[in-house]
Amino acid sequence: AAGSWTATVTATSAGGESEQAQVAVRVEPR
């Protein structure tokens, strides 16, 4: 929906180790 959002992905390896990355999404109101 309209707004500024930040999506966060958590990646987990086979050994149980985790890393995170983020990406911004900007949605203008229609």
PDB file of all heavy atoms in Angstrom:
ATOM      1  N   ALA A   1       0.856  -1.185   0.000  1.00  0.00           N
ATOM      2  CA  ALA A   1       0.000   0.000   0.000  1.00  0.00           C
ATOM      3  C   ALA A   1       0.893   1.238   0.000  1.00  0.00           C
ATOM      4  O   ALA A   1       2.126   1.148   0.013  1.00  0.00           O
ATOM      5  CB  ALA A   1      -0.900  -0.015   1.235  1.00  0.00           C
ATOM      6  N   ALA A   2       0.270   2.426  -0.048  1.00  0.00           N
ATOM      7  CA  ALA A   2       1.046   3.667  -0.075  1.00  0.00           C
ATOM      8  C   ALA A   2       1.845   3.820   1.205  1.00  0.00           C
ATOM      9  O   ALA A   2       1.387   3.496   2.310  1.00  0.00           O
ATOM     10  CB  ALA A   2       0.115   4.851  -0.265  1.00  0.00           C
ATOM     11  N   GLY A   3       3.090   4.297   1.050  1.00  0.00           N
ATOM     12  CA  GLY A   3       3.962   4.529   2.198  1.00  0.00           C
ATOM     13  C   GLY A   3       5.406   4.233   1.868  1.00  0.00           C
ATOM     14  O   GLY A   3       5.748   3.843   0.745  1.00  0.00           O
ATOM     15  N   SER A   4       6.278   4.423   2.840  1.00  0.00           N
ATOM     16  CA  SER A   4       7.704   4.078   2.701  1.00  0.00           C
ATOM     17  C   SER A   4       7.971   2.854   3.571  1.00  0.00           C
ATOM     18  O   SER A   4       7.702   2.872   4.790  1.00  0.00           O
ATOM     19  CB  SER A   4       8.580   5.257   3.136  1.00  0.00           C
ATOM     20  OG  SER A   4       8.389   6.355   2.262  1.00  0.00           O
ATOM     21  N   TRP A   5       8.497   1.820   2.916  1.00  0.00           N
ATOM     22  CA  TRP A   5       8.655   0.535   3.601  1.00  0.00           C
ATOM     23  C   TRP A   5      10.098   0.051   3.489  1.00  0.00           C
ATOM     24  O   TRP A   5      10.798   0.365   2.531  1.00  0.00           O
ATOM     25  CB  TRP A   5       7.717  -0.516   2.999  1.00  0.00           C
ATOM     26  CG  TRP A   5       6.316  -0.022   2.805  1.00  0.00           C
ATOM     27  CD1 TRP A   5       5.752   0.404   1.668  1.00  0.00           C
ATOM     28  CD2 TRP A   5       5.322   0.114   3.820  1.00  0.00           C
ATOM     29  NE1 TRP A   5       4.462   0.787   1.863  1.00  0.00           N
ATOM     30  CE2 TRP A   5       4.155   0.619   3.202  1.00  0.00           C
ATOM     31  CE3 TRP A   5       5.293  -0.156   5.201  1.00  0.00           C
ATOM     32  CZ2 TRP A   5       2.994   0.870   3.902  1.00  0.00           C
ATOM     33  CZ3 TRP A   5       4.129   0.089   5.893  1.00  0.00           C
ATOM     34  CH2 TRP A   5       2.990   0.605   5.253  1.00  0.00           C
ATOM     35  N   THR A   6      10.473  -0.738   4.497  1.00  0.00           N
ATOM     36  CA  THR A   6      11.781  -1.393   4.468  1.00  0.00           C
ATOM     37  C   THR A   6      11.572  -2.894   4.624  1.00  0.00           C
ATOM     38  O   THR A   6      11.011  -3.357   5.625  1.00  0.00           O
ATOM     39  CB  THR A   6      12.697  -0.897   5.598  1.00  0.00           C
ATOM     40  OG1 THR A   6      12.909   0.517   5.441  1.00  0.00           O
ATOM     41  CG2 THR A   6      14.041  -1.620   5.552  1.00  0.00           C
ATOM     42  N   ALA A   7      11.985  -3.631   3.592  1.00  0.00           N
ATOM     43  CA  ALA A   7      11.867  -5.089   3.634  1.00  0.00           C
ATOM     44  C   ALA A   7      13.187  -5.672   4.147  1.00  0.00           C
ATOM     45  O   ALA A   7      14.261  -5.287   3.689  1.00  0.00           O
ATOM     46  CB  ALA A   7      11.541  -5.631   2.258  1.00  0.00           C
ATOM     47  N   THR A   8      13.093  -6.609   5.103  1.00  0.00           N
ATOM     48  CA  THR A   8      14.287  -7.233   5.694  1.00  0.00           C
ATOM     49  C   THR A   8      14.246  -8.739   5.414  1.00  0.00           C
ATOM     50  O   THR A   8      13.231  -9.388   5.674  1.00  0.00           O
ATOM     51  CB  THR A   8      14.338  -6.997   7.201  1.00  0.00           C
ATOM     52  OG1 THR A   8      14.341  -5.579   7.457  1.00  0.00           O
ATOM     53  CG2 THR A   8      15.585  -7.633   7.812  1.00  0.00           C
ATOM     54  N   VAL A   9      15.364  -9.235   4.863  1.00  0.00           N
ATOM     55  CA  VAL A   9      15.436 -10.667   4.610  1.00  0.00           C
ATOM     56  C   VAL A   9      16.504 -11.259   5.552  1.00  0.00           C
ATOM     57  O   VAL A   9      17.584 -10.689   5.743  1.00  0.00           O
ATOM     58  CB  VAL A   9      15.805 -10.964   3.142  1.00  0.00           C
ATOM     59  CG1 VAL A   9      17.126 -10.377   2.730  1.00  0.00           C
ATOM     60  CG2 VAL A   9      15.776 -12.492   2.889  1.00  0.00           C
ATOM     61  N   THR A  10      16.177 -12.385   6.189  1.00  0.00           N
ATOM     62  CA  THR A  10      17.111 -13.103   7.056  1.00  0.00           C
ATOM     63  C   THR A  10      17.491 -14.409   6.354  1.00  0.00           C
ATOM     64  O   THR A  10      16.608 -15.246   6.075  1.00  0.00           O
ATOM     65  CB  THR A  10      16.482 -13.410   8.423  1.00  0.00           C
ATOM     66  OG1 THR A  10      16.124 -12.165   9.048  1.00  0.00           O
ATOM     67  CG2 THR A  10      17.459 -14.169   9.315  1.00  0.00           C
ATOM     68  N   ALA A  11      18.784 -14.492   6.036  1.00  0.00           N
ATOM     69  CA  ALA A  11      19.285 -15.695   5.346  1.00  0.00           C
ATOM     70  C   ALA A  11      19.949 -16.614   6.376  1.00  0.00           C
ATOM     71  O   ALA A  11      20.807 -16.166   7.153  1.00  0.00           O
ATOM     72  CB  ALA A  11      20.272 -15.294   4.267  1.00  0.00           C
ATOM     73  N   THR A  12      19.613 -17.906   6.387  1.00  0.00           N
ATOM     74  CA  THR A  12      20.164 -18.867   7.350  1.00  0.00           C
ATOM     75  C   THR A  12      20.857 -19.996   6.581  1.00  0.00           C
ATOM     76  O   THR A  12      20.247 -20.587   5.682  1.00  0.00           O
ATOM     77  CB  THR A  12      19.049 -19.450   8.239  1.00  0.00           C
ATOM     78  OG1 THR A  12      18.384 -18.366   8.895  1.00  0.00           O
ATOM     79  CG2 THR A  12      19.620 -20.404   9.270  1.00  0.00           C
ATOM     80  N   SER A  13      22.133 -20.224   6.990  1.00  0.00           N
ATOM     81  CA  SER A  13      22.906 -21.268   6.311  1.00  0.00           C
ATOM     82  C   SER A  13      22.540 -22.636   6.858  1.00  0.00           C
ATOM     83  O   SER A  13      21.836 -22.745   7.866  1.00  0.00           O
ATOM     84  CB  SER A  13      24.410 -21.031   6.518  1.00  0.00           C
ATOM     85  OG  SER A  13      24.747 -21.199   7.897  1.00  0.00           O
ATOM     86  N   ALA A  14      23.105 -23.682   6.236  1.00  0.00           N
ATOM     87  CA  ALA A  14      22.836 -25.042   6.692  1.00  0.00           C
ATOM     88  C   ALA A  14      23.382 -25.281   8.086  1.00  0.00           C
ATOM     89  O   ALA A  14      22.889 -26.111   8.846  1.00  0.00           O
ATOM     90  CB  ALA A  14      23.431 -26.057   5.713  1.00  0.00           C
ATOM     91  N   GLY A  15      24.430 -24.491   8.477  1.00  0.00           N
ATOM     92  CA  GLY A  15      25.011 -24.651   9.797  1.00  0.00           C
ATOM     93  C   GLY A  15      24.332 -23.819  10.848  1.00  0.00           C
ATOM     94  O   GLY A  15      24.775 -23.784  11.999  1.00  0.00           O
ATOM     95  N   GLY A  16      23.271 -23.090  10.457  1.00  0.00           N
ATOM     96  CA  GLY A  16      22.525 -22.303  11.441  1.00  0.00           C
ATOM     97  C   GLY A  16      22.986 -20.876  11.584  1.00  0.00           C
ATOM     98  O   GLY A  16      22.460 -20.142  12.419  1.00  0.00           O
ATOM     99  N   GLU A  17      23.933 -20.468  10.734  1.00  0.00           N
ATOM    100  CA  GLU A  17      24.373 -19.079  10.809  1.00  0.00           C
ATOM    101  C   GLU A  17      23.404 -18.186  10.027  1.00  0.00           C
ATOM    102  O   GLU A  17      22.910 -18.565   8.957  1.00  0.00           O
ATOM    103  CB  GLU A  17      25.778 -18.964  10.236  1.00  0.00           C
ATOM    104  CG  GLU A  17      26.819 -19.756  11.020  1.00  0.00           C
ATOM    105  CD  GLU A  17      28.192 -19.700  10.373  1.00  0.00           C
ATOM    106  OE1 GLU A  17      28.248 -19.267   9.178  1.00  0.00           O
ATOM    107  OE2 GLU A  17      29.155 -20.062  11.026  1.00  0.00           O
ATOM    108  N   SER A  18      23.166 -16.938  10.528  1.00  0.00           N
ATOM    109  CA  SER A  18      22.185 -16.029   9.921  1.00  0.00           C
ATOM    110  C   SER A  18      22.813 -14.692   9.556  1.00  0.00           C
ATOM    111  O   SER A  18      23.706 -14.199  10.260  1.00  0.00           O
ATOM    112  CB  SER A  18      21.018 -15.770  10.883  1.00  0.00           C
ATOM    113  OG  SER A  18      20.324 -16.967  11.143  1.00  0.00           O
ATOM    114  N   GLU A  19      22.349 -14.158   8.446  1.00  0.00           N
ATOM    115  CA  GLU A  19      22.717 -12.796   8.043  1.00  0.00           C
ATOM    116  C   GLU A  19      21.446 -12.076   7.566  1.00  0.00           C
ATOM    117  O   GLU A  19      20.502 -12.698   7.075  1.00  0.00           O
ATOM    118  CB  GLU A  19      23.733 -12.830   6.897  1.00  0.00           C
ATOM    119  CG  GLU A  19      25.106 -13.289   7.314  1.00  0.00           C
ATOM    120  CD  GLU A  19      26.114 -13.134   6.184  1.00  0.00           C
ATOM    121  OE1 GLU A  19      25.744 -12.486   5.154  1.00  0.00           O
ATOM    122  OE2 GLU A  19      27.215 -13.639   6.330  1.00  0.00           O
ATOM    123  N   GLN A  20      21.450 -10.734   7.679  1.00  0.00           N
ATOM    124  CA  GLN A  20      20.292  -9.943   7.255  1.00  0.00           C
ATOM    125  C   GLN A  20      20.692  -8.902   6.209  1.00  0.00           C
ATOM    126  O   GLN A  20      21.808  -8.410   6.194  1.00  0.00           O
ATOM    127  CB  GLN A  20      19.657  -9.214   8.445  1.00  0.00           C
ATOM    128  CG  GLN A  20      18.880 -10.142   9.381  1.00  0.00           C
ATOM    129  CD  GLN A  20      18.129  -9.349  10.432  1.00  0.00           C
ATOM    130  OE1 GLN A  20      18.511  -8.230  10.783  1.00  0.00           O
ATOM    131  NE2 GLN A  20      17.036  -9.937  10.942  1.00  0.00           N
ATOM    132  N   ALA A  21      19.724  -8.604   5.349  1.00  0.00           N
ATOM    133  CA  ALA A  21      19.890  -7.529   4.348  1.00  0.00           C
ATOM    134  C   ALA A  21      18.552  -6.792   4.240  1.00  0.00           C
ATOM    135  O   ALA A  21      17.492  -7.364   4.491  1.00  0.00           O
ATOM    136  CB  ALA A  21      20.306  -8.097   3.006  1.00  0.00           C
ATOM    137  N   GLN A  22      18.652  -5.533   3.863  1.00  0.00           N
ATOM    138  CA  GLN A  22      17.441  -4.709   3.763  1.00  0.00           C
ATOM    139  C   GLN A  22      17.354  -4.005   2.406  1.00  0.00           C
ATOM    140  O   GLN A  22      18.378  -3.743   1.775  1.00  0.00           O
ATOM    141  CB  GLN A  22      17.408  -3.666   4.888  1.00  0.00           C
ATOM    142  CG  GLN A  22      17.272  -4.272   6.287  1.00  0.00           C
ATOM    143  CD  GLN A  22      17.217  -3.199   7.354  1.00  0.00           C
ATOM    144  OE1 GLN A  22      17.834  -2.141   7.204  1.00  0.00           O
ATOM    145  NE2 GLN A  22      16.485  -3.471   8.421  1.00  0.00           N
ATOM    146  N   VAL A  23      16.126  -3.701   2.017  1.00  0.00           N
ATOM    147  CA  VAL A  23      15.894  -2.942   0.788  1.00  0.00           C
ATOM    148  C   VAL A  23      14.690  -2.019   1.020  1.00  0.00           C
ATOM    149  O   VAL A  23      13.711  -2.411   1.676  1.00  0.00           O
ATOM    150  CB  VAL A  23      15.652  -3.867  -0.418  1.00  0.00           C
ATOM    151  CG1 VAL A  23      14.410  -4.714  -0.248  1.00  0.00           C
ATOM    152  CG2 VAL A  23      15.569  -3.064  -1.702  1.00  0.00           C
ATOM    153  N   ALA A  24      14.772  -0.809   0.530  1.00  0.00           N
ATOM    154  CA  ALA A  24      13.696   0.183   0.726  1.00  0.00           C
ATOM    155  C   ALA A  24      12.717   0.156  -0.448  1.00  0.00           C
ATOM    156  O   ALA A  24      13.113  -0.002  -1.610  1.00  0.00           O
ATOM    157  CB  ALA A  24      14.264   1.588   0.876  1.00  0.00           C
ATOM    158  N   VAL A  25      11.466   0.347  -0.148  1.00  0.00           N
ATOM    159  CA  VAL A  25      10.391   0.418  -1.154  1.00  0.00           C
ATOM    160  C   VAL A  25       9.559   1.675  -0.854  1.00  0.00           C
ATOM    161  O   VAL A  25       9.101   1.859   0.286  1.00  0.00           O
ATOM    162  CB  VAL A  25       9.493  -0.825  -1.125  1.00  0.00           C
ATOM    163  CG1 VAL A  25       8.349  -0.677  -2.129  1.00  0.00           C
ATOM    164  CG2 VAL A  25      10.306  -2.082  -1.405  1.00  0.00           C
ATOM    165  N   ARG A  26       9.386   2.499  -1.873  1.00  0.00           N
ATOM    166  CA  ARG A  26       8.572   3.723  -1.697  1.00  0.00           C
ATOM    167  C   ARG A  26       7.348   3.627  -2.600  1.00  0.00           C
ATOM    168  O   ARG A  26       7.476   3.433  -3.815  1.00  0.00           O
ATOM    169  CB  ARG A  26       9.381   4.964  -2.029  1.00  0.00           C
ATOM    170  CG  ARG A  26       8.596   6.277  -1.863  1.00  0.00           C
ATOM    171  CD  ARG A  26       9.536   7.461  -1.974  1.00  0.00           C
ATOM    172  NE  ARG A  26      10.258   7.468  -3.225  1.00  0.00           N
ATOM    173  CZ  ARG A  26       9.804   8.018  -4.354  1.00  0.00           C
ATOM    174  NH1 ARG A  26       8.609   8.580  -4.374  1.00  0.00           N
ATOM    175  NH2 ARG A  26      10.538   7.989  -5.454  1.00  0.00           N
ATOM    176  N   VAL A  27       6.187   3.776  -1.982  1.00  0.00           N
ATOM    177  CA  VAL A  27       4.921   3.640  -2.720  1.00  0.00           C
ATOM    178  C   VAL A  27       4.109   4.939  -2.568  1.00  0.00           C
ATOM    179  O   VAL A  27       3.763   5.332  -1.449  1.00  0.00           O
ATOM    180  CB  VAL A  27       4.098   2.441  -2.216  1.00  0.00           C
ATOM    181  CG1 VAL A  27       2.828   2.286  -3.055  1.00  0.00           C
ATOM    182  CG2 VAL A  27       4.927   1.163  -2.254  1.00  0.00           C
ATOM    183  N   GLU A  28       3.875   5.579  -3.678  1.00  0.00           N
ATOM    184  CA  GLU A  28       3.071   6.806  -3.655  1.00  0.00           C
ATOM    185  C   GLU A  28       1.594   6.460  -3.667  1.00  0.00           C
ATOM    186  O   GLU A  28       1.176   5.472  -4.302  1.00  0.00           O
ATOM    187  CB  GLU A  28       3.379   7.681  -4.867  1.00  0.00           C
ATOM    188  CG  GLU A  28       4.814   8.153  -4.933  1.00  0.00           C
ATOM    189  CD  GLU A  28       5.071   8.988  -6.169  1.00  0.00           C
ATOM    190  OE1 GLU A  28       4.086   9.333  -6.864  1.00  0.00           O
ATOM    191  OE2 GLU A  28       6.244   9.285  -6.443  1.00  0.00           O
ATOM    192  N   PRO A  29       0.777   7.265  -2.992  1.00  0.00           N
ATOM    193  CA  PRO A  29      -0.660   6.985  -3.016  1.00  0.00           C
ATOM    194  C   PRO A  29      -1.231   7.222  -4.410  1.00  0.00           C
ATOM    195  O   PRO A  29      -0.881   8.191  -5.091  1.00  0.00           O
ATOM    196  CB  PRO A  29      -1.237   7.985  -2.005  1.00  0.00           C
ATOM    197  CG  PRO A  29      -0.221   9.086  -1.939  1.00  0.00           C
ATOM    198  CD  PRO A  29       1.109   8.429  -2.153  1.00  0.00           C
ATOM    199  N   ARG A  30      -2.101   6.366  -4.883  1.00  0.00           N
ATOM    200  CA  ARG A  30      -2.778   6.545  -6.160  1.00  0.00           C
ATOM    201  C   ARG A  30      -4.020   7.401  -5.896  1.00  0.00           C
ATOM    202  O   ARG A  30      -4.851   7.069  -5.056  1.00  0.00           O
ATOM    203  CB  ARG A  30      -3.212   5.208  -6.735  1.00  0.00           C
ATOM    204  CG  ARG A  30      -3.976   5.289  -8.036  1.00  0.00           C
ATOM    205  CD  ARG A  30      -3.057   5.587  -9.201  1.00  0.00           C
ATOM    206  NE  ARG A  30      -2.223   4.430  -9.506  1.00  0.00           N
ATOM    207  CZ  ARG A  30      -1.212   4.444 -10.351  1.00  0.00           C
ATOM    208  NH1 ARG A  30      -0.878   5.574 -10.949  1.00  0.00           N
ATOM    209  NH2 ARG A  30      -0.498   3.347 -10.580  1.00  0.00           N
TER     210      ARG A  30
END
